[in-house]
Amino acid sequence: MRFIITLLLFCVFSGFSQEKFEREFRISLEEVPLKAQNFIKQCKFDKKVKWYMEESQDGKAIEAKSYKNSYKYSVEFDIKGNVLDVEKKIKWKQIEPSIRKNIENSLKNEFEKFTIRKIQVQWKSDEQTLKGLINGDKEYKIDTLYEIVLKGRKTQSTSLYEVLINPDGTIVKQLKFAPSNSLNLEF
């Protein structure tokens, strides 16, 4: 009986972890760990770098956002300044056709209907490789994931989702956006 109750509680609480909560706010350069500042200096972005503190279901992180060669980049660090990942905003048509087909088929199986709002490639690797990818070095080849924000319908309910998917179309992670706290306020 204890096992059944434990299993039931696990299932209930694991369902809550499927919601995406994220809050970002600007921070000054003085609040950014030196290690993160040094990493960003070596990336030689075209425009000024804006720094953010991000609070999410995964905890706190520091994020640097800027542009290079007309692409918007987002570099995420832990609170000590260690790089976690790099995201580069791209367009749907920039994805290789075979990969697009895999992603599209997977999303069609997951959602009754969907509209893609934003696509980013996501890279996770060591600092040197990530700097090389940002700086356009072609010698670096690593696994790429696609982070897709979409409006999707499942069983008559439409919501915003963030889907992390690999090139063969396998969904690695799927989070439903939590409603904004401001939407819950009644006056």
Protein backbone atom coordinates (compact mmCIF):
# COMPACT_ATOMS: atom_id res chain seq x y z
CA MET A 1 0.00 0.00 0.00
CA ARG A 2 2.85 2.38 0.87
CA PHE A 3 4.44 1.66 -2.49
CA ILE A 4 1.24 2.57 -4.34
CA ILE A 5 0.88 5.86 -2.44
CA THR A 6 4.53 6.71 -3.07
CA LEU A 7 4.16 5.90 -6.75
CA LEU A 8 1.00 7.98 -7.00
CA LEU A 9 2.66 10.98 -5.32
CA PHE A 10 5.67 10.65 -7.61
CA CYS A 11 3.43 10.68 -10.69
CA VAL A 12 1.48 13.70 -9.45
CA PHE A 13 4.56 15.75 -8.57
CA SER A 14 6.50 14.77 -11.70
CA GLY A 15 3.64 16.23 -13.74
CA PHE A 16 4.24 19.62 -12.12
CA SER A 17 7.83 19.67 -13.33
CA GLN A 18 6.58 19.79 -16.92
CA GLU A 19 5.68 23.49 -16.62
CA LYS A 20 8.09 26.18 -17.71
CA PHE A 21 8.49 29.15 -15.42
CA GLU A 22 11.01 31.82 -16.31
CA ARG A 23 11.66 35.32 -15.05
CA GLU A 24 14.46 37.51 -16.38
CA PHE A 25 15.67 40.87 -15.17
CA ARG A 26 18.60 43.06 -16.18
CA ILE A 27 21.71 43.14 -14.04
CA SER A 28 24.78 45.39 -14.14
CA LEU A 29 28.20 44.24 -15.30
CA GLU A 30 29.44 44.50 -11.70
CA GLU A 31 27.00 41.73 -10.71
CA VAL A 32 28.39 39.32 -13.34
CA PRO A 33 31.13 36.85 -12.29
CA LEU A 34 34.53 37.69 -13.79
CA LYS A 35 34.75 34.25 -15.39
CA ALA A 36 31.57 34.93 -17.43
CA GLN A 37 32.78 38.42 -18.38
CA ASN A 38 36.09 37.00 -19.66
CA PHE A 39 34.32 34.33 -21.73
CA ILE A 40 32.10 36.95 -23.38
CA LYS A 41 35.05 39.30 -24.11
CA GLN A 42 36.67 36.51 -26.14
CA CYS A 43 33.52 36.09 -28.26
CA LYS A 44 33.88 39.57 -29.81
CA PHE A 45 30.17 40.30 -30.27
CA ASP A 46 29.14 43.00 -32.77
CA LYS A 47 26.88 44.86 -30.35
CA LYS A 48 26.81 45.69 -26.67
CA VAL A 49 26.21 42.68 -24.43
CA LYS A 50 23.18 42.85 -22.13
CA TRP A 51 23.29 40.85 -18.92
CA TYR A 52 20.32 39.19 -17.22
CA MET A 53 19.59 37.14 -14.12
CA GLU A 54 17.23 34.31 -14.94
CA GLU A 55 15.07 32.46 -12.43
CA SER A 56 13.38 29.33 -13.73
CA GLN A 57 12.16 25.89 -12.74
CA ASP A 58 15.83 24.83 -13.02
CA GLY A 59 17.13 27.48 -10.59
CA LYS A 60 19.12 30.68 -11.13
CA ALA A 61 21.42 31.46 -14.04
CA ILE A 62 23.14 34.45 -15.62
CA GLU A 63 22.56 35.15 -19.28
CA ALA A 64 24.46 37.31 -21.76
CA LYS A 65 22.60 38.41 -24.89
CA SER A 66 24.07 40.05 -27.97
CA TYR A 67 24.48 39.87 -31.76
CA LYS A 68 27.17 38.55 -34.06
CA ASN A 69 26.95 38.39 -37.86
CA SER A 70 23.24 39.31 -37.69
CA TYR A 71 22.43 36.39 -35.37
CA LYS A 72 21.09 36.83 -31.86
CA TYR A 73 23.05 34.82 -29.29
CA SER A 74 22.26 33.94 -25.73
CA VAL A 75 25.01 32.51 -23.53
CA GLU A 76 23.91 30.99 -20.24
CA PHE A 77 26.17 30.68 -17.19
CA ASP A 78 25.71 29.27 -13.71
CA ILE A 79 25.94 31.77 -10.87
CA LYS A 80 29.70 31.10 -10.53
CA GLY A 81 30.32 32.07 -14.17
CA ASN A 82 30.74 28.60 -15.72
CA VAL A 83 29.24 28.44 -19.19
CA LEU A 84 26.22 26.12 -19.45
CA ASP A 85 25.09 26.50 -23.06
CA VAL A 86 24.93 28.76 -26.09
CA GLU A 87 21.78 29.43 -28.10
CA LYS A 88 21.68 31.02 -31.53
CA LYS A 89 18.38 32.23 -32.99
CA ILE A 90 17.77 30.95 -36.51
CA LYS A 91 14.98 30.72 -39.07
CA TRP A 92 13.11 27.52 -39.96
CA LYS A 93 14.48 27.58 -43.52
CA GLN A 94 18.06 27.57 -42.23
CA ILE A 95 17.64 24.06 -40.88
CA GLU A 96 18.77 21.28 -43.21
CA PRO A 97 15.69 19.86 -45.07
CA SER A 98 16.07 16.30 -43.72
CA ILE A 99 16.29 17.58 -40.14
CA ARG A 100 13.31 19.91 -40.72
CA LYS A 101 11.29 16.91 -41.88
CA ASN A 102 12.25 14.89 -38.77
CA ILE A 103 11.31 17.78 -36.48
CA GLU A 104 8.05 18.44 -38.31
CA ASN A 105 7.01 14.76 -38.18
CA SER A 106 7.75 14.59 -34.47
CA LEU A 107 5.78 17.77 -33.74
CA LYS A 108 2.84 16.53 -35.83
CA ASN A 109 2.76 13.37 -33.69
CA GLU A 110 2.86 15.41 -30.49
CA PHE A 111 0.39 18.20 -31.32
CA GLU A 112 -2.96 18.31 -33.14
CA LYS A 113 -1.95 21.70 -34.54
CA PHE A 114 1.08 23.93 -33.95
CA THR A 115 2.64 27.22 -35.00
CA ILE A 116 6.36 27.77 -34.50
CA ARG A 117 7.14 31.09 -32.82
CA LYS A 118 10.93 30.89 -32.35
CA ILE A 119 13.78 28.49 -33.12
CA GLN A 120 17.25 28.41 -31.62
CA VAL A 121 20.09 25.98 -32.03
CA GLN A 122 21.49 24.96 -28.67
CA TRP A 123 25.06 23.88 -28.08
CA LYS A 124 26.49 22.34 -24.91
CA SER A 125 30.22 21.68 -24.79
CA ASP A 126 33.48 22.88 -23.26
CA GLU A 127 34.31 26.61 -23.20
CA GLN A 128 36.84 26.48 -26.04
CA THR A 129 34.43 24.73 -28.41
CA LEU A 130 31.57 27.10 -27.57
CA LYS A 131 33.79 30.16 -28.14
CA GLY A 132 34.86 28.66 -31.46
CA LEU A 133 31.25 28.12 -32.54
CA ILE A 134 30.29 31.69 -31.63
CA ASN A 135 33.33 33.03 -33.48
CA GLY A 136 32.44 31.05 -36.60
CA ASP A 137 35.23 28.46 -36.54
CA LYS A 138 34.15 25.67 -38.89
CA GLU A 139 36.41 23.03 -37.31
CA TYR A 140 34.10 22.53 -34.34
CA LYS A 141 31.43 19.87 -34.84
CA ILE A 142 29.21 19.06 -31.90
CA ASP A 143 25.73 17.73 -31.34
CA THR A 144 23.11 20.37 -31.95
CA LEU A 145 19.74 20.52 -30.29
CA TYR A 146 16.87 22.70 -31.45
CA GLU A 147 14.92 24.72 -28.91
CA ILE A 148 11.53 25.53 -30.40
CA VAL A 149 8.91 27.80 -28.85
CA LEU A 150 5.52 27.04 -30.33
CA LYS A 151 1.84 27.51 -29.86
CA GLY A 152 0.37 24.03 -29.85
CA ARG A 153 -2.96 22.35 -29.39
CA LYS A 154 -3.38 19.08 -27.51
CA THR A 155 -6.83 17.63 -26.79
CA GLN A 156 -8.72 20.88 -27.37
CA SER A 157 -6.36 22.95 -25.21
CA THR A 158 -3.97 25.44 -26.80
CA SER A 159 -0.85 26.60 -24.94
CA LEU A 160 2.67 27.83 -25.47
CA TYR A 161 5.36 25.15 -25.28
CA GLU A 162 9.12 24.98 -25.33
CA VAL A 163 10.33 21.82 -27.05
CA LEU A 164 13.96 20.70 -27.09
CA ILE A 165 14.46 18.29 -29.96
CA ASN A 166 17.45 16.59 -31.57
CA PRO A 167 18.16 16.37 -35.33
CA ASP A 168 16.55 12.92 -35.69
CA GLY A 169 13.29 14.33 -34.32
CA THR A 170 13.43 12.86 -30.82
CA ILE A 171 11.91 15.18 -28.24
CA VAL A 172 14.44 15.55 -25.43
CA LYS A 173 12.36 17.88 -23.26
CA GLN A 174 8.93 19.47 -23.48
CA LEU A 175 7.70 22.19 -21.15
CA LYS A 176 4.35 23.95 -21.13
CA PHE A 177 4.67 27.64 -20.28
CA ALA A 178 3.19 28.48 -16.89
CA PRO A 179 0.71 31.35 -16.97
CA SER A 180 2.26 34.67 -16.04
CA ASN A 181 1.73 35.70 -12.43
CA SER A 182 0.23 38.97 -13.65
CA LEU A 183 -2.52 37.02 -15.41
CA ASN A 184 -3.56 35.52 -12.09
CA LEU A 185 -4.14 38.88 -10.40
CA GLU A 186 -7.69 40.06 -10.00
CA PHE A 187 -8.49 43.67 -9.12
